[in-house]
Amino acid sequence: MSETSTTLTIDGRKVSVAAGSSVAAAIAIAAKVENAATVTRRSVTGALRGPLCGMGICQECRVTIDGVPHRLACQTVCVADMNVLTGNAAP
């Protein structure tokens, strides 16, 4: 792995992204690889949600990072060995 990339875990799967990428970008890359929807969380009724604004205003990109819930994926830079849980990991 070169110094220009970072590997993290999203919902139990390893994902490598360019260094400096946001967690929201990493989630989108992982979704594209799996040909799936970009999901960050579920609403209170269980509806799938994804990032909308990319600026931290809408709060739709909230995920659990290293055990801390409600982190904004669009405002968080990926670091090596970060563990991210999205709404896809919810029961």
N, C-alpha and C. Protein backbone atom coordinates (compact mmCIF):
# COMPACT_ATOMS: atom_id res chain seq x y z
N MET A 1 0.85 -1.17 0.00
CA MET A 1 0.00 0.00 0.00
C MET A 1 0.90 1.24 0.00
N SER A 2 0.63 2.15 -0.89
CA SER A 2 1.46 3.35 -0.97
C SER A 2 1.03 4.37 0.09
N GLU A 3 1.86 5.38 0.27
CA GLU A 3 1.56 6.43 1.25
C GLU A 3 0.43 7.35 0.78
N THR A 4 0.02 7.20 -0.47
CA THR A 4 -1.04 8.07 -0.99
C THR A 4 -2.41 7.44 -0.85
N SER A 5 -2.49 6.31 -0.15
CA SER A 5 -3.79 5.71 0.08
C SER A 5 -3.95 5.32 1.55
N THR A 6 -5.20 5.13 1.93
CA THR A 6 -5.55 4.78 3.30
C THR A 6 -6.53 3.62 3.24
N THR A 7 -6.38 2.65 4.14
CA THR A 7 -7.32 1.53 4.20
C THR A 7 -8.10 1.61 5.51
N LEU A 8 -9.41 1.51 5.38
CA LEU A 8 -10.29 1.51 6.53
C LEU A 8 -11.32 0.40 6.36
N THR A 9 -12.11 0.16 7.38
CA THR A 9 -13.14 -0.87 7.31
C THR A 9 -14.50 -0.21 7.35
N ILE A 10 -15.34 -0.57 6.37
CA ILE A 10 -16.71 -0.05 6.32
C ILE A 10 -17.64 -1.25 6.36
N ASP A 11 -18.43 -1.33 7.40
CA ASP A 11 -19.38 -2.44 7.57
C ASP A 11 -18.70 -3.80 7.41
N GLY A 12 -17.49 -3.91 7.97
CA GLY A 12 -16.78 -5.18 7.95
C GLY A 12 -15.96 -5.47 6.71
N ARG A 13 -15.96 -4.55 5.74
CA ARG A 13 -15.20 -4.76 4.51
C ARG A 13 -14.07 -3.74 4.41
N LYS A 14 -12.89 -4.19 4.03
CA LYS A 14 -11.74 -3.30 3.85
C LYS A 14 -11.94 -2.48 2.59
N VAL A 15 -11.64 -1.19 2.68
CA VAL A 15 -11.76 -0.27 1.55
C VAL A 15 -10.50 0.59 1.53
N SER A 16 -9.88 0.71 0.36
CA SER A 16 -8.72 1.59 0.20
C SER A 16 -9.15 2.81 -0.60
N VAL A 17 -8.79 3.99 -0.09
CA VAL A 17 -9.13 5.25 -0.74
C VAL A 17 -7.91 6.16 -0.77
N ALA A 18 -7.96 7.19 -1.57
CA ALA A 18 -6.87 8.16 -1.62
C ALA A 18 -6.73 8.84 -0.27
N ALA A 19 -5.50 9.07 0.14
CA ALA A 19 -5.25 9.78 1.39
C ALA A 19 -5.94 11.14 1.34
N GLY A 20 -6.58 11.51 2.44
CA GLY A 20 -7.28 12.78 2.50
C GLY A 20 -8.74 12.71 2.11
N SER A 21 -9.21 11.52 1.70
CA SER A 21 -10.62 11.35 1.34
C SER A 21 -11.51 11.43 2.56
N SER A 22 -12.73 11.89 2.35
CA SER A 22 -13.70 11.91 3.45
C SER A 22 -14.28 10.51 3.61
N VAL A 23 -14.84 10.26 4.77
CA VAL A 23 -15.51 8.98 5.01
C VAL A 23 -16.70 8.84 4.06
N ALA A 24 -17.40 9.91 3.77
CA ALA A 24 -18.52 9.86 2.83
C ALA A 24 -18.05 9.40 1.45
N ALA A 25 -16.90 9.89 1.01
CA ALA A 25 -16.34 9.45 -0.28
C ALA A 25 -15.98 7.98 -0.24
N ALA A 26 -15.41 7.53 0.86
CA ALA A 26 -15.05 6.12 1.01
C ALA A 26 -16.30 5.23 0.96
N ILE A 27 -17.37 5.67 1.59
CA ILE A 27 -18.63 4.92 1.57
C ILE A 27 -19.17 4.85 0.15
N ALA A 28 -19.09 5.95 -0.59
CA ALA A 28 -19.55 5.97 -1.98
C ALA A 28 -18.70 5.04 -2.86
N ILE A 29 -17.40 5.03 -2.64
CA ILE A 29 -16.51 4.15 -3.40
C ILE A 29 -16.84 2.70 -3.11
N ALA A 30 -17.03 2.38 -1.83
CA ALA A 30 -17.37 1.01 -1.45
C ALA A 30 -18.71 0.59 -2.07
N ALA A 31 -19.68 1.48 -2.08
CA ALA A 31 -20.98 1.18 -2.67
C ALA A 31 -20.87 0.94 -4.17
N LYS A 32 -20.05 1.73 -4.84
CA LYS A 32 -19.88 1.57 -6.28
C LYS A 32 -19.25 0.23 -6.61
N VAL A 33 -18.25 -0.17 -5.83
CA VAL A 33 -17.58 -1.46 -6.04
C VAL A 33 -18.59 -2.60 -5.89
N GLU A 34 -19.49 -2.47 -4.95
CA GLU A 34 -20.48 -3.52 -4.69
C GLU A 34 -21.76 -3.33 -5.50
N ASN A 35 -21.80 -2.28 -6.35
CA ASN A 35 -22.98 -1.96 -7.14
C ASN A 35 -24.22 -1.83 -6.24
N ALA A 36 -24.05 -1.04 -5.19
CA ALA A 36 -25.10 -0.85 -4.19
C ALA A 36 -25.36 0.64 -3.99
N ALA A 37 -26.40 0.95 -3.26
CA ALA A 37 -26.72 2.34 -2.94
C ALA A 37 -25.75 2.86 -1.88
N THR A 38 -25.48 4.15 -1.94
CA THR A 38 -24.65 4.80 -0.92
C THR A 38 -25.53 5.09 0.28
N VAL A 39 -25.33 4.31 1.35
CA VAL A 39 -26.16 4.44 2.55
C VAL A 39 -25.27 4.81 3.72
N THR A 40 -25.69 5.82 4.47
CA THR A 40 -24.95 6.19 5.68
C THR A 40 -25.73 5.85 6.94
N ARG A 41 -27.03 5.99 6.90
CA ARG A 41 -27.83 5.74 8.11
C ARG A 41 -29.24 5.33 7.72
N ARG A 42 -30.04 5.04 8.73
CA ARG A 42 -31.47 4.78 8.55
C ARG A 42 -32.26 5.81 9.36
N SER A 43 -33.39 6.21 8.80
CA SER A 43 -34.26 7.14 9.54
C SER A 43 -34.91 6.40 10.70
N VAL A 44 -35.69 7.12 11.51
CA VAL A 44 -36.36 6.48 12.64
C VAL A 44 -37.39 5.45 12.17
N THR A 45 -37.84 5.55 10.93
CA THR A 45 -38.79 4.57 10.39
C THR A 45 -38.08 3.46 9.63
N GLY A 46 -36.74 3.53 9.54
CA GLY A 46 -35.98 2.49 8.86
C GLY A 46 -35.62 2.79 7.42
N ALA A 47 -36.03 3.95 6.90
CA ALA A 47 -35.71 4.32 5.52
C ALA A 47 -34.22 4.57 5.38
N LEU A 48 -33.66 4.14 4.25
CA LEU A 48 -32.23 4.35 3.99
C LEU A 48 -31.96 5.82 3.70
N ARG A 49 -30.86 6.33 4.21
CA ARG A 49 -30.45 7.71 4.01
C ARG A 49 -29.03 7.75 3.48
N GLY A 50 -28.70 8.81 2.77
CA GLY A 50 -27.36 8.99 2.25
C GLY A 50 -26.98 10.45 2.32
N PRO A 51 -25.71 10.76 2.08
CA PRO A 51 -25.27 12.16 2.15
C PRO A 51 -25.98 13.02 1.11
N LEU A 52 -26.34 14.23 1.49
CA LEU A 52 -27.02 15.15 0.58
C LEU A 52 -26.21 16.41 0.31
N CYS A 53 -25.80 17.09 1.37
CA CYS A 53 -25.21 18.42 1.17
C CYS A 53 -23.69 18.40 1.05
N GLY A 54 -23.04 17.45 1.70
CA GLY A 54 -21.58 17.39 1.65
C GLY A 54 -20.90 18.47 2.48
N MET A 55 -21.67 19.22 3.29
CA MET A 55 -21.10 20.30 4.10
C MET A 55 -21.37 20.14 5.58
N GLY A 56 -22.06 19.06 5.99
CA GLY A 56 -22.36 18.85 7.39
C GLY A 56 -23.63 19.53 7.87
N ILE A 57 -24.38 20.15 6.97
CA ILE A 57 -25.59 20.86 7.35
C ILE A 57 -26.79 19.92 7.49
N CYS A 58 -26.94 18.98 6.55
CA CYS A 58 -28.15 18.14 6.52
C CYS A 58 -28.14 17.02 7.55
N GLN A 59 -26.97 16.62 8.02
CA GLN A 59 -26.84 15.57 9.03
C GLN A 59 -27.23 14.18 8.52
N GLU A 60 -27.46 14.02 7.23
CA GLU A 60 -27.86 12.72 6.68
C GLU A 60 -26.69 11.75 6.57
N CYS A 61 -25.48 12.23 6.71
CA CYS A 61 -24.30 11.37 6.55
C CYS A 61 -23.79 10.79 7.87
N ARG A 62 -24.60 10.85 8.91
CA ARG A 62 -24.15 10.37 10.22
C ARG A 62 -23.88 8.87 10.21
N VAL A 63 -22.71 8.50 10.73
CA VAL A 63 -22.30 7.10 10.83
C VAL A 63 -21.63 6.91 12.19
N THR A 64 -21.34 5.66 12.52
CA THR A 64 -20.58 5.35 13.72
C THR A 64 -19.14 5.11 13.31
N ILE A 65 -18.22 5.86 13.89
CA ILE A 65 -16.79 5.72 13.58
C ILE A 65 -16.05 5.35 14.85
N ASP A 66 -15.37 4.22 14.79
CA ASP A 66 -14.61 3.72 15.94
C ASP A 66 -15.44 3.74 17.22
N GLY A 67 -16.71 3.33 17.09
CA GLY A 67 -17.59 3.23 18.25
C GLY A 67 -18.30 4.50 18.66
N VAL A 68 -17.99 5.61 18.00
CA VAL A 68 -18.62 6.89 18.34
C VAL A 68 -19.75 7.17 17.34
N PRO A 69 -21.01 7.17 17.80
CA PRO A 69 -22.13 7.39 16.88
C PRO A 69 -22.27 8.85 16.46
N HIS A 70 -23.04 9.04 15.40
CA HIS A 70 -23.44 10.37 14.91
C HIS A 70 -22.27 11.23 14.42
N ARG A 71 -21.22 10.60 13.92
CA ARG A 71 -20.12 11.36 13.31
C ARG A 71 -20.52 11.71 11.88
N LEU A 72 -20.18 12.88 11.43
CA LEU A 72 -20.51 13.32 10.08
C LEU A 72 -19.48 12.78 9.10
N ALA A 73 -19.91 11.88 8.22
CA ALA A 73 -19.01 11.24 7.27
C ALA A 73 -18.43 12.25 6.27
N CYS A 74 -19.21 13.27 5.93
CA CYS A 74 -18.72 14.24 4.94
C CYS A 74 -17.67 15.18 5.51
N GLN A 75 -17.59 15.26 6.83
CA GLN A 75 -16.64 16.17 7.48
C GLN A 75 -15.49 15.45 8.17
N THR A 76 -15.43 14.13 8.01
CA THR A 76 -14.40 13.34 8.68
C THR A 76 -13.44 12.76 7.66
N VAL A 77 -12.16 13.00 7.85
CA VAL A 77 -11.13 12.48 6.94
C VAL A 77 -10.78 11.05 7.35
N CYS A 78 -10.64 10.18 6.37
CA CYS A 78 -10.28 8.79 6.63
C CYS A 78 -8.88 8.69 7.22
N VAL A 79 -8.74 7.80 8.19
CA VAL A 79 -7.42 7.48 8.73
C VAL A 79 -7.27 5.97 8.71
N ALA A 80 -6.05 5.50 8.68
CA ALA A 80 -5.77 4.08 8.59
C ALA A 80 -6.44 3.32 9.73
N ASP A 81 -7.02 2.19 9.40
CA ASP A 81 -7.64 1.26 10.35
C ASP A 81 -8.90 1.81 11.02
N MET A 82 -9.46 2.88 10.50
CA MET A 82 -10.73 3.41 11.00
C MET A 82 -11.82 2.36 10.77
N ASN A 83 -12.75 2.24 11.71
CA ASN A 83 -13.85 1.30 11.58
C ASN A 83 -15.16 2.08 11.50
N VAL A 84 -15.86 1.95 10.37
CA VAL A 84 -17.07 2.71 10.11
C VAL A 84 -18.26 1.76 10.01
N LEU A 85 -19.33 2.09 10.71
CA LEU A 85 -20.58 1.35 10.59
C LEU A 85 -21.65 2.28 10.04
N THR A 86 -22.32 1.82 9.00
CA THR A 86 -23.37 2.62 8.36
C THR A 86 -24.74 2.03 8.66
N GLY A 87 -25.77 2.62 8.07
CA GLY A 87 -27.12 2.09 8.19
C GLY A 87 -27.28 0.72 7.57
N ASN A 88 -26.35 0.34 6.69
CA ASN A 88 -26.40 -1.01 6.12
C ASN A 88 -26.07 -2.06 7.17
N ALA A 89 -25.35 -1.68 8.21
CA ALA A 89 -24.98 -2.62 9.26
C ALA A 89 -26.07 -2.76 10.31
N ALA A 90 -27.09 -1.91 10.24
CA ALA A 90 -28.18 -1.96 11.22
C ALA A 90 -29.04 -3.20 10.99
N PRO A 91 -29.61 -3.74 12.04
CA PRO A 91 -30.46 -4.93 11.90
C PRO A 91 -31.72 -4.65 11.10
